[in-house]
Amino acid sequence: MTCRYCTGHHPIRIDAYPAGNPRASLVAAHRATTARAEAPGPVHVHYDQSTDTFAVIRTDTPEHA
């Protein structure tokens, strides 16, 4: 299933935290909050099943030439 926040944007992975850590989703959410304060642009957390991590993603709009 495609993420509605990433569709039509250019996702950039900021950080990732191993899902084996019980606090990983909380740490990822905190990092996303920090990233929102650092620079403008939408930031959210994905669970990446292929790497079993919670990834913090910034979705920048694609640049058109």
PDB file of N, CA and C in Angstrom:
ATOM      1  N   MET A   1       0.842  -1.174   0.000  1.00  0.00           N
ATOM      2  CA  MET A   1       0.000   0.000   0.000  1.00  0.00           C
ATOM      3  C   MET A   1       0.887   1.237   0.000  1.00  0.00           C
ATOM      4  N   THR A   2       0.579   2.172  -0.872  1.00  0.00           N
ATOM      5  CA  THR A   2       1.364   3.381  -0.993  1.00  0.00           C
ATOM      6  C   THR A   2       0.996   4.368   0.108  1.00  0.00           C
ATOM      7  N   CYS A   3       1.999   5.021   0.653  1.00  0.00           N
ATOM      8  CA  CYS A   3       1.775   6.017   1.695  1.00  0.00           C
ATOM      9  C   CYS A   3       1.178   7.276   1.073  1.00  0.00           C
ATOM     10  N   ARG A   4       0.082   7.746   1.630  1.00  0.00           N
ATOM     11  CA  ARG A   4      -0.580   8.932   1.072  1.00  0.00           C
ATOM     12  C   ARG A   4       0.266  10.182   1.251  1.00  0.00           C
ATOM     13  N   TYR A   5       1.170  10.194   2.211  1.00  0.00           N
ATOM     14  CA  TYR A   5       2.031  11.357   2.416  1.00  0.00           C
ATOM     15  C   TYR A   5       3.205  11.380   1.434  1.00  0.00           C
ATOM     16  N   CYS A   6       3.627  10.216   0.973  1.00  0.00           N
ATOM     17  CA  CYS A   6       4.782  10.137   0.075  1.00  0.00           C
ATOM     18  C   CYS A   6       4.395  10.196  -1.399  1.00  0.00           C
ATOM     19  N   THR A   7       3.160   9.845  -1.717  1.00  0.00           N
ATOM     20  CA  THR A   7       2.716   9.821  -3.105  1.00  0.00           C
ATOM     21  C   THR A   7       2.819  11.217  -3.712  1.00  0.00           C
ATOM     22  N   GLY A   8       3.529  11.307  -4.835  1.00  0.00           N
ATOM     23  CA  GLY A   8       3.688  12.578  -5.521  1.00  0.00           C
ATOM     24  C   GLY A   8       4.755  13.475  -4.934  1.00  0.00           C
ATOM     25  N   HIS A   9       5.520  12.958  -3.982  1.00  0.00           N
ATOM     26  CA  HIS A   9       6.596  13.721  -3.359  1.00  0.00           C
ATOM     27  C   HIS A   9       7.903  12.954  -3.471  1.00  0.00           C
ATOM     28  N   HIS A  10       8.969  13.575  -3.011  1.00  0.00           N
ATOM     29  CA  HIS A  10      10.283  12.936  -3.011  1.00  0.00           C
ATOM     30  C   HIS A  10      10.654  12.606  -1.565  1.00  0.00           C
ATOM     31  N   PRO A  11      10.437  11.338  -1.137  1.00  0.00           N
ATOM     32  CA  PRO A  11      10.747  10.990   0.255  1.00  0.00           C
ATOM     33  C   PRO A  11      12.255  10.926   0.519  1.00  0.00           C
ATOM     34  N   ILE A  12      12.658  11.514   1.639  1.00  0.00           N
ATOM     35  CA  ILE A  12      14.058  11.511   2.062  1.00  0.00           C
ATOM     36  C   ILE A  12      14.115  10.899   3.457  1.00  0.00           C
ATOM     37  N   ARG A  13      14.892   9.828   3.591  1.00  0.00           N
ATOM     38  CA  ARG A  13      15.023   9.152   4.882  1.00  0.00           C
ATOM     39  C   ARG A  13      15.990   9.935   5.766  1.00  0.00           C
ATOM     40  N   ILE A  14      15.516  10.345   6.932  1.00  0.00           N
ATOM     41  CA  ILE A  14      16.337  11.132   7.858  1.00  0.00           C
ATOM     42  C   ILE A  14      17.062  10.216   8.839  1.00  0.00           C
ATOM     43  N   ASP A  15      16.331   9.289   9.432  1.00  0.00           N
ATOM     44  CA  ASP A  15      16.869   8.364  10.422  1.00  0.00           C
ATOM     45  C   ASP A  15      16.063   7.083  10.405  1.00  0.00           C
ATOM     46  N   ALA A  16      16.593   6.040  11.045  1.00  0.00           N
ATOM     47  CA  ALA A  16      15.856   4.783  11.191  1.00  0.00           C
ATOM     48  C   ALA A  16      16.233   4.143  12.521  1.00  0.00           C
ATOM     49  N   TYR A  17      15.263   3.478  13.118  1.00  0.00           N
ATOM     50  CA  TYR A  17      15.459   2.853  14.423  1.00  0.00           C
ATOM     51  C   TYR A  17      14.968   1.413  14.365  1.00  0.00           C
ATOM     52  N   PRO A  18      15.754   0.436  14.849  1.00  0.00           N
ATOM     53  CA  PRO A  18      15.380  -0.975  14.763  1.00  0.00           C
ATOM     54  C   PRO A  18      14.082  -1.267  15.521  1.00  0.00           C
ATOM     55  N   ALA A  19      13.179  -1.955  14.865  1.00  0.00           N
ATOM     56  CA  ALA A  19      11.880  -2.264  15.463  1.00  0.00           C
ATOM     57  C   ALA A  19      11.993  -3.247  16.619  1.00  0.00           C
ATOM     58  N   GLY A  20      13.118  -3.933  16.753  1.00  0.00           N
ATOM     59  CA  GLY A  20      13.317  -4.850  17.868  1.00  0.00           C
ATOM     60  C   GLY A  20      13.392  -4.131  19.210  1.00  0.00           C
ATOM     61  N   ASN A  21      13.685  -2.842  19.173  1.00  0.00           N
ATOM     62  CA  ASN A  21      13.722  -2.030  20.379  1.00  0.00           C
ATOM     63  C   ASN A  21      12.285  -1.635  20.728  1.00  0.00           C
ATOM     64  N   PRO A  22      11.794  -1.964  21.929  1.00  0.00           N
ATOM     65  CA  PRO A  22      10.411  -1.645  22.278  1.00  0.00           C
ATOM     66  C   PRO A  22      10.089  -0.149  22.246  1.00  0.00           C
ATOM     67  N   ARG A  23      11.102   0.692  22.381  1.00  0.00           N
ATOM     68  CA  ARG A  23      10.878   2.138  22.372  1.00  0.00           C
ATOM     69  C   ARG A  23      11.122   2.763  21.005  1.00  0.00           C
ATOM     70  N   ALA A  24      11.396   1.968  19.990  1.00  0.00           N
ATOM     71  CA  ALA A  24      11.787   2.493  18.678  1.00  0.00           C
ATOM     72  C   ALA A  24      10.742   3.418  18.069  1.00  0.00           C
ATOM     73  N   SER A  25       9.471   3.061  18.156  1.00  0.00           N
ATOM     74  CA  SER A  25       8.455   3.921  17.555  1.00  0.00           C
ATOM     75  C   SER A  25       8.362   5.255  18.291  1.00  0.00           C
ATOM     76  N   LEU A  26       8.568   5.235  19.618  1.00  0.00           N
ATOM     77  CA  LEU A  26       8.547   6.480  20.383  1.00  0.00           C
ATOM     78  C   LEU A  26       9.752   7.357  20.049  1.00  0.00           C
ATOM     79  N   VAL A  27      10.909   6.732  19.919  1.00  0.00           N
ATOM     80  CA  VAL A  27      12.127   7.468  19.578  1.00  0.00           C
ATOM     81  C   VAL A  27      11.995   8.058  18.173  1.00  0.00           C
ATOM     82  N   ALA A  28      11.448   7.288  17.240  1.00  0.00           N
ATOM     83  CA  ALA A  28      11.251   7.770  15.873  1.00  0.00           C
ATOM     84  C   ALA A  28      10.266   8.936  15.852  1.00  0.00           C
ATOM     85  N   ALA A  29       9.200   8.844  16.622  1.00  0.00           N
ATOM     86  CA  ALA A  29       8.227   9.939  16.687  1.00  0.00           C
ATOM     87  C   ALA A  29       8.868  11.203  17.264  1.00  0.00           C
ATOM     88  N   HIS A  30       9.714  11.036  18.270  1.00  0.00           N
ATOM     89  CA  HIS A  30      10.417  12.185  18.850  1.00  0.00           C
ATOM     90  C   HIS A  30      11.371  12.795  17.825  1.00  0.00           C
ATOM     91  N   ARG A  31      12.070  11.954  17.092  1.00  0.00           N
ATOM     92  CA  ARG A  31      12.992  12.447  16.047  1.00  0.00           C
ATOM     93  C   ARG A  31      12.221  13.181  14.960  1.00  0.00           C
ATOM     94  N   ALA A  32      11.040  12.694  14.611  1.00  0.00           N
ATOM     95  CA  ALA A  32      10.219  13.369  13.604  1.00  0.00           C
ATOM     96  C   ALA A  32       9.800  14.755  14.097  1.00  0.00           C
ATOM     97  N   THR A  33       9.452  14.857  15.360  1.00  0.00           N
ATOM     98  CA  THR A  33       9.090  16.153  15.939  1.00  0.00           C
ATOM     99  C   THR A  33      10.271  17.107  15.888  1.00  0.00           C
ATOM    100  N   THR A  34      11.450  16.617  16.211  1.00  0.00           N
ATOM    101  CA  THR A  34      12.668  17.423  16.147  1.00  0.00           C
ATOM    102  C   THR A  34      12.948  17.872  14.720  1.00  0.00           C
ATOM    103  N   ALA A  35      12.790  16.967  13.761  1.00  0.00           N
ATOM    104  CA  ALA A  35      13.040  17.287  12.350  1.00  0.00           C
ATOM    105  C   ALA A  35      12.070  18.343  11.842  1.00  0.00           C
ATOM    106  N   ARG A  36      10.828  18.306  12.312  1.00  0.00           N
ATOM    107  CA  ARG A  36       9.851  19.324  11.911  1.00  0.00           C
ATOM    108  C   ARG A  36      10.280  20.711  12.381  1.00  0.00           C
ATOM    109  N   ALA A  37      10.909  20.770  13.538  1.00  0.00           N
ATOM    110  CA  ALA A  37      11.369  22.046  14.080  1.00  0.00           C
ATOM    111  C   ALA A  37      12.641  22.532  13.386  1.00  0.00           C
ATOM    112  N   GLU A  38      13.449  21.613  12.867  1.00  0.00           N
ATOM    113  CA  GLU A  38      14.726  21.962  12.236  1.00  0.00           C
ATOM    114  C   GLU A  38      14.552  22.620  10.878  1.00  0.00           C
ATOM    115  N   ALA A  39      13.588  22.165  10.097  1.00  0.00           N
ATOM    116  CA  ALA A  39      13.412  22.669   8.739  1.00  0.00           C
ATOM    117  C   ALA A  39      11.958  22.501   8.318  1.00  0.00           C
ATOM    118  N   PRO A  40      11.493  23.380   7.457  1.00  0.00           N
ATOM    119  CA  PRO A  40      10.106  23.251   6.999  1.00  0.00           C
ATOM    120  C   PRO A  40       9.922  22.019   6.118  1.00  0.00           C
ATOM    121  N   GLY A  41       8.716  21.559   6.047  1.00  0.00           N
ATOM    122  CA  GLY A  41       8.401  20.394   5.229  1.00  0.00           C
ATOM    123  C   GLY A  41       7.806  19.298   6.067  1.00  0.00           C
ATOM    124  N   PRO A  42       6.916  18.528   5.485  1.00  0.00           N
ATOM    125  CA  PRO A  42       6.257  17.457   6.231  1.00  0.00           C
ATOM    126  C   PRO A  42       7.210  16.317   6.578  1.00  0.00           C
ATOM    127  N   VAL A  43       7.111  15.832   7.799  1.00  0.00           N
ATOM    128  CA  VAL A  43       7.922  14.718   8.284  1.00  0.00           C
ATOM    129  C   VAL A  43       6.978  13.720   8.945  1.00  0.00           C
ATOM    130  N   HIS A  44       7.182  12.442   8.677  1.00  0.00           N
ATOM    131  CA  HIS A  44       6.372  11.404   9.310  1.00  0.00           C
ATOM    132  C   HIS A  44       7.205  10.146   9.500  1.00  0.00           C
ATOM    133  N   VAL A  45       6.618   9.144  10.160  1.00  0.00           N
ATOM    134  CA  VAL A  45       7.322   7.897  10.470  1.00  0.00           C
ATOM    135  C   VAL A  45       6.697   6.758   9.673  1.00  0.00           C
ATOM    136  N   HIS A  46       7.538   5.960   9.058  1.00  0.00           N
ATOM    137  CA  HIS A  46       7.130   4.754   8.330  1.00  0.00           C
ATOM    138  C   HIS A  46       7.656   3.537   9.085  1.00  0.00           C
ATOM    139  N   TYR A  47       6.908   2.445   9.034  1.00  0.00           N
ATOM    140  CA  TYR A  47       7.485   1.154   9.418  1.00  0.00           C
ATOM    141  C   TYR A  47       7.961   0.518   8.131  1.00  0.00           C
ATOM    142  N   ASP A  48       9.238   0.219   8.041  1.00  0.00           N
ATOM    143  CA  ASP A  48       9.826  -0.399   6.852  1.00  0.00           C
ATOM    144  C   ASP A  48       9.974  -1.892   7.117  1.00  0.00           C
ATOM    145  N   GLN A  49       9.101  -2.680   6.506  1.00  0.00           N
ATOM    146  CA  GLN A  49       9.084  -4.119   6.757  1.00  0.00           C
ATOM    147  C   GLN A  49      10.332  -4.808   6.228  1.00  0.00           C
ATOM    148  N   SER A  50      10.894  -4.317   5.130  1.00  0.00           N
ATOM    149  CA  SER A  50      12.056  -4.978   4.543  1.00  0.00           C
ATOM    150  C   SER A  50      13.291  -4.890   5.441  1.00  0.00           C
ATOM    151  N   THR A  51      13.411  -3.806   6.202  1.00  0.00           N
ATOM    152  CA  THR A  51      14.566  -3.663   7.104  1.00  0.00           C
ATOM    153  C   THR A  51      14.166  -3.754   8.571  1.00  0.00           C
ATOM    154  N   ASP A  52      12.878  -3.947   8.848  1.00  0.00           N
ATOM    155  CA  ASP A  52      12.340  -4.046  10.201  1.00  0.00           C
ATOM    156  C   ASP A  52      12.761  -2.848  11.053  1.00  0.00           C
ATOM    157  N   THR A  53      12.516  -1.651  10.496  1.00  0.00           N
ATOM    158  CA  THR A  53      12.860  -0.423  11.188  1.00  0.00           C
ATOM    159  C   THR A  53      11.706   0.572  11.120  1.00  0.00           C
ATOM    160  N   PHE A  54      11.737   1.515  12.039  1.00  0.00           N
ATOM    161  CA  PHE A  54      10.864   2.675  11.963  1.00  0.00           C
ATOM    162  C   PHE A  54      11.711   3.777  11.356  1.00  0.00           C
ATOM    163  N   ALA A  55      11.331   4.242  10.170  1.00  0.00           N
ATOM    164  CA  ALA A  55      12.106   5.248   9.447  1.00  0.00           C
ATOM    165  C   ALA A  55      11.422   6.602   9.546  1.00  0.00           C
ATOM    166  N   VAL A  56      12.216   7.623   9.805  1.00  0.00           N
ATOM    167  CA  VAL A  56      11.730   8.996   9.834  1.00  0.00           C
ATOM    168  C   VAL A  56      11.928   9.562   8.426  1.00  0.00           C
ATOM    169  N   ILE A  57      10.832  10.007   7.809  1.00  0.00           N
ATOM    170  CA  ILE A  57      10.837  10.414   6.407  1.00  0.00           C
ATOM    171  C   ILE A  57      10.411  11.875   6.267  1.00  0.00           C
ATOM    172  N   ARG A  58      11.169  12.637   5.488  1.00  0.00           N
ATOM    173  CA  ARG A  58      10.749  13.988   5.090  1.00  0.00           C
ATOM    174  C   ARG A  58      10.293  13.886   3.643  1.00  0.00           C
ATOM    175  N   THR A  59       9.139  14.454   3.340  1.00  0.00           N
ATOM    176  CA  THR A  59       8.634  14.406   1.966  1.00  0.00           C
ATOM    177  C   THR A  59       8.698  15.799   1.363  1.00  0.00           C
ATOM    178  N   ASP A  60       9.715  16.020   0.550  1.00  0.00           N
ATOM    179  CA  ASP A  60       9.855  17.277  -0.174  1.00  0.00           C
ATOM    180  C   ASP A  60       9.117  17.178  -1.489  1.00  0.00           C
ATOM    181  N   THR A  61       8.605  18.291  -1.962  1.00  0.00           N
ATOM    182  CA  THR A  61       7.921  18.288  -3.254  1.00  0.00           C
ATOM    183  C   THR A  61       8.966  18.136  -4.341  1.00  0.00           C
ATOM    184  N   PRO A  62       8.635  17.395  -5.395  1.00  0.00           N
ATOM    185  CA  PRO A  62       9.606  17.208  -6.475  1.00  0.00           C
ATOM    186  C   PRO A  62       9.863  18.512  -7.206  1.00  0.00           C
ATOM    187  N   GLU A  63      11.092  18.687  -7.647  1.00  0.00           N
ATOM    188  CA  GLU A  63      11.443  19.879  -8.400  1.00  0.00           C
ATOM    189  C   GLU A  63      11.145  19.632  -9.874  1.00  0.00           C
ATOM    190  N   HIS A  64      10.487  20.580 -10.497  1.00  0.00           N
ATOM    191  CA  HIS A  64      10.160  20.475 -11.924  1.00  0.00           C
ATOM    192  C   HIS A  64      11.078  21.400 -12.720  1.00  0.00           C
ATOM    193  N   ALA A  65      11.673  20.866 -13.756  1.00  0.00           N
ATOM    194  CA  ALA A  65      12.611  21.673 -14.563  1.00  0.00           C
ATOM    195  C   ALA A  65      11.891  22.430 -15.635  1.00  0.00           C
TER     196      ALA A  65
END
